[in-house]
């Protein structure tokens, strides 16, 4: 399963979210696609105030402070 992770440099919440994603990646078959919003004006406009943003199957499942347990439950439900 692909997980799109919208992020940017100098974002402490993004660093924490990335660690959470890597923890989940050791437990579940997920592929993290990292997108720096500062490389695309549309992403900056859309996600600039929300980052980090985690998207699965076109759905934003979490943004801002990422919750490990809630995200894992969402991943499990998508993998079924």
C-alpha atoms as a PDB file:
ATOM      1  CA  UNK A   1       0.000   0.000   0.000  1.00  0.00           C
ATOM      2  CA  UNK A   2       1.264   3.460  -0.896  1.00  0.00           C
ATOM      3  CA  UNK A   3       1.138   6.206   1.710  1.00  0.00           C
ATOM      4  CA  UNK A   4       1.727   9.746   0.510  1.00  0.00           C
ATOM      5  CA  UNK A   5       3.471  11.872   3.104  1.00  0.00           C
ATOM      6  CA  UNK A   6       3.384  15.636   2.506  1.00  0.00           C
ATOM      7  CA  UNK A   7       6.174  17.384   4.379  1.00  0.00           C
ATOM      8  CA  UNK A   8       8.687  20.226   4.239  1.00  0.00           C
ATOM      9  CA  UNK A   9      12.126  21.063   5.618  1.00  0.00           C
ATOM     10  CA  UNK A  10      12.400  22.633   9.069  1.00  0.00           C
ATOM     11  CA  UNK A  11       9.145  21.036  10.285  1.00  0.00           C
ATOM     12  CA  UNK A  12       9.466  19.339  13.672  1.00  0.00           C
ATOM     13  CA  UNK A  13       6.030  17.710  13.400  1.00  0.00           C
ATOM     14  CA  UNK A  14       7.112  16.270  10.045  1.00  0.00           C
ATOM     15  CA  UNK A  15      10.213  14.718  11.625  1.00  0.00           C
ATOM     16  CA  UNK A  16       8.033  13.034  14.257  1.00  0.00           C
ATOM     17  CA  UNK A  17       5.543  11.869  11.621  1.00  0.00           C
ATOM     18  CA  UNK A  18       8.332  10.396   9.512  1.00  0.00           C
ATOM     19  CA  UNK A  19       9.561   8.377  12.499  1.00  0.00           C
ATOM     20  CA  UNK A  20       6.028   7.092  13.086  1.00  0.00           C
ATOM     21  CA  UNK A  21       5.712   6.082   9.437  1.00  0.00           C
ATOM     22  CA  UNK A  22       9.023   4.227   9.559  1.00  0.00           C
ATOM     23  CA  UNK A  23       7.930   2.375  12.704  1.00  0.00           C
ATOM     24  CA  UNK A  24       4.711   1.350  10.965  1.00  0.00           C
ATOM     25  CA  UNK A  25       6.662   0.346   7.865  1.00  0.00           C
ATOM     26  CA  UNK A  26       8.507  -2.293   9.897  1.00  0.00           C
ATOM     27  CA  UNK A  27       5.162  -3.846  10.875  1.00  0.00           C
ATOM     28  CA  UNK A  28       3.076  -3.432   7.712  1.00  0.00           C
ATOM     29  CA  UNK A  29       3.641  -3.664   3.937  1.00  0.00           C
ATOM     30  CA  UNK A  30       3.541   0.057   3.214  1.00  0.00           C
ATOM     31  CA  UNK A  31       5.473   2.197   0.769  1.00  0.00           C
ATOM     32  CA  UNK A  32       6.060   5.788   1.880  1.00  0.00           C
ATOM     33  CA  UNK A  33       6.037   8.374  -0.909  1.00  0.00           C
ATOM     34  CA  UNK A  34       7.445  11.586   0.514  1.00  0.00           C
ATOM     35  CA  UNK A  35       6.444  14.869  -1.136  1.00  0.00           C
ATOM     36  CA  UNK A  36       8.064  18.152  -0.165  1.00  0.00           C
ATOM     37  CA  UNK A  37       5.287  20.729  -0.484  1.00  0.00           C
ATOM     38  CA  UNK A  38       7.818  23.483  -1.155  1.00  0.00           C
ATOM     39  CA  UNK A  39       8.610  21.900  -4.538  1.00  0.00           C
ATOM     40  CA  UNK A  40       5.054  22.319  -5.846  1.00  0.00           C
ATOM     41  CA  UNK A  41       2.923  25.473  -5.578  1.00  0.00           C
ATOM     42  CA  UNK A  42      -0.322  23.495  -5.571  1.00  0.00           C
ATOM     43  CA  UNK A  43       0.841  21.343  -2.632  1.00  0.00           C
ATOM     44  CA  UNK A  44       2.042  24.433  -0.762  1.00  0.00           C
ATOM     45  CA  UNK A  45      -1.327  26.117  -1.201  1.00  0.00           C
ATOM     46  CA  UNK A  46      -3.300  22.999  -0.332  1.00  0.00           C
ATOM     47  CA  UNK A  47      -1.255  21.633   2.586  1.00  0.00           C
ATOM     48  CA  UNK A  48       0.884  24.546   3.801  1.00  0.00           C
ATOM     49  CA  UNK A  49      -1.005  25.021   7.063  1.00  0.00           C
ATOM     50  CA  UNK A  50      -1.742  21.324   7.596  1.00  0.00           C
ATOM     51  CA  UNK A  51       1.606  19.563   7.333  1.00  0.00           C
ATOM     52  CA  UNK A  52       2.507  16.901   7.961  1.00  0.00           C
ATOM     53  CA  UNK A  53      -0.267  15.300   5.931  1.00  0.00           C
ATOM     54  CA  UNK A  54      -0.742  11.569   5.421  1.00  0.00           C
ATOM     55  CA  UNK A  55      -2.857  10.417   2.496  1.00  0.00           C
ATOM     56  CA  UNK A  56      -3.970   6.868   1.729  1.00  0.00           C
ATOM     57  CA  UNK A  57      -5.961   6.003  -1.411  1.00  0.00           C
ATOM     58  CA  UNK A  58      -6.647   9.677  -2.101  1.00  0.00           C
ATOM     59  CA  UNK A  59      -7.996  10.280   1.416  1.00  0.00           C
ATOM     60  CA  UNK A  60      -6.282  12.516   3.963  1.00  0.00           C
ATOM     61  CA  UNK A  61      -6.243  10.289   7.030  1.00  0.00           C
ATOM     62  CA  UNK A  62      -4.223  12.508   9.375  1.00  0.00           C
ATOM     63  CA  UNK A  63      -2.562  15.902   9.477  1.00  0.00           C
ATOM     64  CA  UNK A  64      -0.720  18.027  12.000  1.00  0.00           C
ATOM     65  CA  UNK A  65       0.062  15.905  15.048  1.00  0.00           C
ATOM     66  CA  UNK A  66       0.132  12.303  13.838  1.00  0.00           C
ATOM     67  CA  UNK A  67      -1.222   9.611  16.161  1.00  0.00           C
ATOM     68  CA  UNK A  68       0.638   6.301  15.828  1.00  0.00           C
ATOM     69  CA  UNK A  69      -2.185   4.110  17.066  1.00  0.00           C
ATOM     70  CA  UNK A  70      -4.958   5.749  15.039  1.00  0.00           C
ATOM     71  CA  UNK A  71      -2.794   5.658  11.914  1.00  0.00           C
ATOM     72  CA  UNK A  72      -1.985   1.995  12.459  1.00  0.00           C
ATOM     73  CA  UNK A  73      -5.685   1.179  12.790  1.00  0.00           C
ATOM     74  CA  UNK A  74      -6.390   3.018   9.543  1.00  0.00           C
ATOM     75  CA  UNK A  75      -3.593   1.125   7.779  1.00  0.00           C
ATOM     76  CA  UNK A  76      -4.882  -2.202   9.088  1.00  0.00           C
ATOM     77  CA  UNK A  77      -8.409  -1.433   7.884  1.00  0.00           C
ATOM     78  CA  UNK A  78      -7.119  -0.509   4.415  1.00  0.00           C
ATOM     79  CA  UNK A  79      -5.043  -3.697   4.185  1.00  0.00           C
ATOM     80  CA  UNK A  80      -8.031  -5.977   4.818  1.00  0.00           C
END
